[in-house]
Amino acid sequence: MSELVLVGEKPASSYVLELMERLRRGEKKVLLKALGHNISKAAYVTECVKRMTGGKIRYGKISIYSEEVDREAEEKSVPAIEIEVLYEG
């Protein structure tokens, strides 16, 4: 099972460091998940890490879907993405 990193409101650099630390610890597969406007941040984070590792990561399964979330006493459909990052170093 892959480890999950939920990309949210923190600066992108926080998620880059988190992902790099997990890869440094020897994890070979990490799953990034983001909702709504944080989707572009997740894509940016994976590309930064790819450059920082000299291209030693590749993408596994990438899923794009809608997720139902409770907002202000009603359910809303929010776009979501999951990016599987595979380390080959």
C-alpha atoms as a PDB file:
ATOM      1  CA  MET A   1       0.000   0.000   0.000  1.00  0.00           C
ATOM      2  CA  SER A   2       1.310   3.453  -0.828  1.00  0.00           C
ATOM      3  CA  GLU A   3       1.654   6.285   1.660  1.00  0.00           C
ATOM      4  CA  LEU A   4      -0.769   9.190   1.233  1.00  0.00           C
ATOM      5  CA  VAL A   5       0.165  12.870   1.081  1.00  0.00           C
ATOM      6  CA  LEU A   6      -2.901  15.114   1.052  1.00  0.00           C
ATOM      7  CA  VAL A   7      -2.053  18.375  -0.721  1.00  0.00           C
ATOM      8  CA  GLY A   8      -3.913  21.274   0.875  1.00  0.00           C
ATOM      9  CA  GLU A   9      -3.426  24.903   1.837  1.00  0.00           C
ATOM     10  CA  LYS A  10       0.253  24.835   2.898  1.00  0.00           C
ATOM     11  CA  PRO A  11       2.881  26.243   0.511  1.00  0.00           C
ATOM     12  CA  ALA A  12       3.972  23.856  -2.256  1.00  0.00           C
ATOM     13  CA  SER A  13       7.478  23.715  -0.759  1.00  0.00           C
ATOM     14  CA  SER A  14       6.056  21.943   2.316  1.00  0.00           C
ATOM     15  CA  TYR A  15       4.723  19.123   0.148  1.00  0.00           C
ATOM     16  CA  VAL A  16       7.930  18.949  -1.904  1.00  0.00           C
ATOM     17  CA  LEU A  17       9.911  18.501   1.321  1.00  0.00           C
ATOM     18  CA  GLU A  18       7.425  15.919   2.631  1.00  0.00           C
ATOM     19  CA  LEU A  19       7.633  13.878  -0.566  1.00  0.00           C
ATOM     20  CA  MET A  20      11.442  14.124  -0.725  1.00  0.00           C
ATOM     21  CA  GLU A  21      11.695  12.991   2.918  1.00  0.00           C
ATOM     22  CA  ARG A  22       9.506   9.950   2.268  1.00  0.00           C
ATOM     23  CA  LEU A  23      11.599   8.991  -0.757  1.00  0.00           C
ATOM     24  CA  ARG A  24      14.799   9.501   1.262  1.00  0.00           C
ATOM     25  CA  ARG A  25      13.427   7.109   3.916  1.00  0.00           C
ATOM     26  CA  GLY A  26      13.154   4.457   1.231  1.00  0.00           C
ATOM     27  CA  GLU A  27       9.492   4.556   0.299  1.00  0.00           C
ATOM     28  CA  LYS A  28       9.153   3.489  -3.323  1.00  0.00           C
ATOM     29  CA  LYS A  29       5.520   4.514  -3.805  1.00  0.00           C
ATOM     30  CA  VAL A  30       3.740   7.624  -2.528  1.00  0.00           C
ATOM     31  CA  LEU A  31       0.223   8.739  -3.412  1.00  0.00           C
ATOM     32  CA  LEU A  32      -0.516  12.479  -3.682  1.00  0.00           C
ATOM     33  CA  LYS A  33      -4.153  13.504  -3.414  1.00  0.00           C
ATOM     34  CA  ALA A  34      -5.607  16.973  -3.930  1.00  0.00           C
ATOM     35  CA  LEU A  35      -9.074  18.492  -4.126  1.00  0.00           C
ATOM     36  CA  GLY A  36     -10.358  21.525  -6.018  1.00  0.00           C
ATOM     37  CA  HIS A  37      -7.951  24.401  -6.545  1.00  0.00           C
ATOM     38  CA  ASN A  38      -5.096  22.394  -4.983  1.00  0.00           C
ATOM     39  CA  ILE A  39      -4.952  20.049  -8.003  1.00  0.00           C
ATOM     40  CA  SER A  40      -2.492  22.301  -9.831  1.00  0.00           C
ATOM     41  CA  LYS A  41      -0.336  22.450  -6.685  1.00  0.00           C
ATOM     42  CA  ALA A  42      -0.135  18.637  -6.612  1.00  0.00           C
ATOM     43  CA  ALA A  43       1.010  18.583 -10.242  1.00  0.00           C
ATOM     44  CA  TYR A  44       3.607  21.278  -9.496  1.00  0.00           C
ATOM     45  CA  VAL A  45       4.901  19.337  -6.465  1.00  0.00           C
ATOM     46  CA  THR A  46       5.403  16.138  -8.476  1.00  0.00           C
ATOM     47  CA  GLU A  47       7.249  17.982 -11.235  1.00  0.00           C
ATOM     48  CA  CYS A  48       9.519  19.728  -8.704  1.00  0.00           C
ATOM     49  CA  VAL A  49      10.384  16.407  -7.090  1.00  0.00           C
ATOM     50  CA  LYS A  50      11.015  14.838 -10.490  1.00  0.00           C
ATOM     51  CA  ARG A  51      13.544  17.597 -11.271  1.00  0.00           C
ATOM     52  CA  MET A  52      15.135  17.398  -7.817  1.00  0.00           C
ATOM     53  CA  THR A  53      15.686  13.639  -8.135  1.00  0.00           C
ATOM     54  CA  GLY A  54      17.183  13.923 -11.597  1.00  0.00           C
ATOM     55  CA  GLY A  55      14.207  12.210 -13.187  1.00  0.00           C
ATOM     56  CA  LYS A  56      14.339   9.176 -10.880  1.00  0.00           C
ATOM     57  CA  ILE A  57      10.589   9.176 -10.348  1.00  0.00           C
ATOM     58  CA  ARG A  58       7.860   8.185 -12.713  1.00  0.00           C
ATOM     59  CA  TYR A  59       4.119   8.394 -12.482  1.00  0.00           C
ATOM     60  CA  GLY A  60       2.027   5.326 -11.865  1.00  0.00           C
ATOM     61  CA  LYS A  61      -1.741   5.523 -11.883  1.00  0.00           C
ATOM     62  CA  ILE A  62      -3.272   9.001 -12.161  1.00  0.00           C
ATOM     63  CA  SER A  63      -6.950   9.235 -11.246  1.00  0.00           C
ATOM     64  CA  ILE A  64      -9.198  12.232 -11.853  1.00  0.00           C
ATOM     65  CA  TYR A  65     -12.676  12.117 -10.385  1.00  0.00           C
ATOM     66  CA  SER A  66     -15.292  14.014  -8.351  1.00  0.00           C
ATOM     67  CA  GLU A  67     -15.613  13.616  -4.606  1.00  0.00           C
ATOM     68  CA  GLU A  68     -18.617  14.537  -2.503  1.00  0.00           C
ATOM     69  CA  VAL A  69     -17.738  16.790   0.447  1.00  0.00           C
ATOM     70  CA  ASP A  70     -19.907  18.430   3.098  1.00  0.00           C
ATOM     71  CA  ARG A  71     -19.760  22.214   2.877  1.00  0.00           C
ATOM     72  CA  GLU A  72     -22.043  24.455   4.899  1.00  0.00           C
ATOM     73  CA  ALA A  73     -24.670  21.760   5.597  1.00  0.00           C
ATOM     74  CA  GLU A  74     -24.867  20.589   1.976  1.00  0.00           C
ATOM     75  CA  GLU A  75     -22.943  18.127  -0.150  1.00  0.00           C
ATOM     76  CA  LYS A  76     -20.939  19.499  -3.055  1.00  0.00           C
ATOM     77  CA  SER A  77     -19.117  17.705  -5.821  1.00  0.00           C
ATOM     78  CA  VAL A  78     -15.450  18.737  -5.889  1.00  0.00           C
ATOM     79  CA  PRO A  79     -12.874  17.668  -8.498  1.00  0.00           C
ATOM     80  CA  ALA A  80     -10.064  15.493  -7.145  1.00  0.00           C
ATOM     81  CA  ILE A  81      -6.826  13.971  -8.398  1.00  0.00           C
ATOM     82  CA  GLU A  82      -4.605  11.168  -7.146  1.00  0.00           C
ATOM     83  CA  ILE A  83      -1.071  10.888  -8.518  1.00  0.00           C
ATOM     84  CA  GLU A  84       0.959   7.778  -7.783  1.00  0.00           C
ATOM     85  CA  VAL A  85       4.653   8.667  -7.565  1.00  0.00           C
ATOM     86  CA  LEU A  86       7.085   5.760  -8.050  1.00  0.00           C
ATOM     87  CA  TYR A  87      10.718   6.184  -7.036  1.00  0.00           C
ATOM     88  CA  GLU A  88      13.341   4.365  -9.089  1.00  0.00           C
ATOM     89  CA  GLY A  89      16.466   5.505  -7.234  1.00  0.00           C
END
